């Protein structure tokens, strides 16, 4: 699987975004960084966005795709414009309203999150089977529930 070709498209979610409320980013501009407060979710109206974890490419989000769906927690990845982009914004107040009032919206967001998680798991398994598994180190700390030593994998 070629990581550069992974695309996220979720046009069914775009109907919840107001394209008039959009922001322009130039290629290479950071949209948000890991650790920042998450107050918005985005839909790509035009362009392409790269999702990065600790500087490693995870996937590309193109026209019709959404990202930043974990708008209730601090950002856990970086988002950078790969091309000039126009992004529609859904703020946390509207996000919470839609989750509460429109169960279908919540199901679509969960579907996007599950699909992204499944792709990440598949890539991890592929790396393990191909022998390119990242180095691991034992942290020495016991897991609070299992009592097992923690193992940390590098990216």
Protein backbone atom coordinates (compact mmCIF):
# COMPACT_ATOMS: atom_id res chain seq x y z
CA UNK A 1 0.00 0.00 0.00
CA UNK A 2 1.35 3.41 -0.96
CA UNK A 3 0.85 5.83 1.95
CA UNK A 4 0.88 8.81 -0.42
CA UNK A 5 -2.27 7.57 -2.17
CA UNK A 6 -4.49 7.19 0.90
CA UNK A 7 -7.45 9.51 0.50
CA UNK A 8 -10.29 10.38 2.84
CA UNK A 9 -13.54 11.40 1.21
CA UNK A 10 -16.72 11.79 3.17
CA UNK A 11 -19.12 13.87 1.08
CA UNK A 12 -22.07 12.90 3.27
CA UNK A 13 -20.58 14.99 6.09
CA UNK A 14 -20.09 18.07 3.90
CA UNK A 15 -23.80 18.83 4.02
CA UNK A 16 -23.34 19.86 7.67
CA UNK A 17 -20.72 22.49 6.81
CA UNK A 18 -21.37 26.02 5.60
CA UNK A 19 -18.99 26.67 2.71
CA UNK A 20 -19.50 30.42 3.17
CA UNK A 21 -17.67 30.01 6.47
CA UNK A 22 -14.40 28.95 4.86
CA UNK A 23 -10.71 29.67 5.36
CA UNK A 24 -7.96 29.77 2.71
CA UNK A 25 -4.55 28.16 3.37
CA UNK A 26 -1.54 28.33 1.07
CA UNK A 27 0.46 25.19 0.25
CA UNK A 28 2.80 24.40 3.15
CA UNK A 29 0.84 26.39 5.73
CA UNK A 30 0.07 24.67 9.03
CA UNK A 31 -3.65 24.42 9.67
CA UNK A 32 -3.16 23.15 13.22
CA UNK A 33 -0.49 21.41 15.26
CA UNK A 34 -0.52 18.51 17.68
CA UNK A 35 -1.37 19.60 21.22
CA UNK A 36 -3.33 22.70 20.23
CA UNK A 37 -6.85 23.09 21.60
CA UNK A 38 -9.37 21.65 19.17
CA UNK A 39 -12.26 23.99 18.64
CA UNK A 40 -13.04 23.29 14.98
CA UNK A 41 -13.59 20.48 12.52
CA UNK A 42 -12.83 20.98 8.83
CA UNK A 43 -14.16 19.88 5.44
CA UNK A 44 -11.94 20.26 2.37
CA UNK A 45 -13.78 22.37 -0.21
CA UNK A 46 -10.76 22.70 -2.53
CA UNK A 47 -7.20 21.37 -2.35
CA UNK A 48 -5.43 18.70 -0.36
CA UNK A 49 -4.39 18.47 3.31
CA UNK A 50 -1.67 16.24 4.78
CA UNK A 51 -2.21 14.62 8.17
CA UNK A 52 1.09 14.12 10.01
CA UNK A 53 1.98 12.43 13.29
CA UNK A 54 5.35 13.47 14.72
CA UNK A 55 6.45 14.55 11.25
CA UNK A 56 5.42 11.27 9.59
CA UNK A 57 2.84 11.35 6.81
CA UNK A 58 -0.34 9.50 7.82
CA UNK A 59 -2.79 10.31 5.04
CA UNK A 60 -4.10 12.92 2.62
CA UNK A 61 -7.54 14.48 2.89
CA UNK A 62 -8.94 15.81 -0.39
CA UNK A 63 -12.04 17.62 -1.64
CA UNK A 64 -15.08 16.26 0.19
CA UNK A 65 -13.03 14.84 3.05
CA UNK A 66 -13.12 15.90 6.68
CA UNK A 67 -10.53 16.08 9.44
CA UNK A 68 -10.17 17.47 12.94
CA UNK A 69 -13.21 15.43 13.98
CA UNK A 70 -11.91 15.03 17.52
CA UNK A 71 -12.92 18.57 18.31
CA UNK A 72 -13.54 17.85 21.98
CA UNK A 73 -9.89 17.03 22.80
CA UNK A 74 -6.54 18.67 22.06
CA UNK A 75 -5.25 17.95 18.54
CA UNK A 76 -3.39 14.64 18.32
CA UNK A 77 -1.79 15.23 14.91
CA UNK A 78 -0.63 18.03 12.61
CA UNK A 79 -2.59 19.18 9.55
CA UNK A 80 -0.70 20.97 6.78
CA UNK A 81 -1.97 22.26 3.44
CA UNK A 82 -0.29 20.19 0.69
CA UNK A 83 -1.76 22.47 -1.97
CA UNK A 84 -3.59 25.78 -1.79
CA UNK A 85 -6.79 24.91 0.11
CA UNK A 86 -10.18 26.25 0.95
CA UNK A 87 -11.57 24.65 4.09
CA UNK A 88 -15.04 24.90 5.52
CA UNK A 89 -15.13 25.20 9.31
CA UNK A 90 -17.47 23.65 11.85
CA UNK A 91 -16.93 25.10 15.32
CA UNK A 92 -17.29 23.08 18.51
CA UNK A 93 -20.65 24.70 19.42
CA UNK A 94 -22.18 23.63 16.08
CA UNK A 95 -20.43 20.23 16.29
CA UNK A 96 -22.01 19.53 19.70
CA UNK A 97 -25.40 20.77 18.49
CA UNK A 98 -25.25 18.43 15.47
CA UNK A 99 -24.18 15.45 17.61
CA UNK A 100 -27.07 16.13 19.99
CA UNK A 101 -29.77 16.94 17.44
CA UNK A 102 -28.74 14.84 14.44
CA UNK A 103 -27.79 11.26 15.33
CA UNK A 104 -26.88 10.58 11.69
CA UNK A 105 -24.15 13.23 11.92
CA UNK A 106 -22.67 11.52 14.98
CA UNK A 107 -22.74 8.16 13.16
CA UNK A 108 -20.94 9.63 10.14
CA UNK A 109 -18.24 11.15 12.35
CA UNK A 110 -17.77 7.80 14.11
CA UNK A 111 -17.54 6.09 10.72
CA UNK A 112 -14.78 8.48 9.58
CA UNK A 113 -12.89 7.89 12.84
CA UNK A 114 -13.26 4.10 12.57
CA UNK A 115 -12.11 4.07 8.94
CA UNK A 116 -9.06 6.17 9.82
CA UNK A 117 -8.25 3.90 12.78
CA UNK A 118 -8.66 0.78 10.62
CA UNK A 119 -6.26 2.19 8.00
CA UNK A 120 -3.71 2.94 10.72
CA UNK A 121 -4.01 -0.58 12.14
CA UNK A 122 -3.68 -2.10 8.66
CA UNK A 123 -0.53 -0.08 7.95
CA UNK A 124 0.95 -1.08 11.32
CA UNK A 125 0.30 -4.76 10.65
CA UNK A 126 1.73 -4.42 7.13
CA UNK A 127 4.90 -2.87 8.58
CA UNK A 128 5.24 -5.65 11.14
CA UNK A 129 4.83 -8.36 8.48
CA UNK A 130 7.21 -6.64 6.08
CA UNK A 131 9.93 -6.49 8.71
CA UNK A 132 9.94 -2.71 8.91
CA UNK A 133 8.55 -2.60 12.40
CA UNK A 134 9.83 0.41 14.33
CA UNK A 135 12.28 -0.17 17.12
CA UNK A 136 10.70 -0.73 20.49
CA UNK A 137 11.91 -0.01 23.95
CA UNK A 138 10.63 -1.13 27.30
CA UNK A 139 9.69 1.84 29.44
CA UNK A 140 9.85 -0.15 32.66
CA UNK A 141 6.56 1.30 33.91
CA UNK A 142 3.84 -1.14 34.86
CA UNK A 143 0.49 -0.69 33.16
CA UNK A 144 -2.02 0.43 35.81
CA UNK A 145 -4.61 -2.21 34.88
CA UNK A 146 -2.68 -5.20 33.53
CA UNK A 147 0.51 -4.91 35.58
CA UNK A 148 2.54 -5.60 32.41
CA UNK A 149 5.60 -3.59 31.45
CA UNK A 150 4.87 -0.87 28.93
CA UNK A 151 6.45 -1.07 25.50
CA UNK A 152 6.91 2.01 23.37
CA UNK A 153 7.31 1.86 19.59
CA UNK A 154 9.14 4.52 17.66
CA UNK A 155 7.75 5.88 14.40
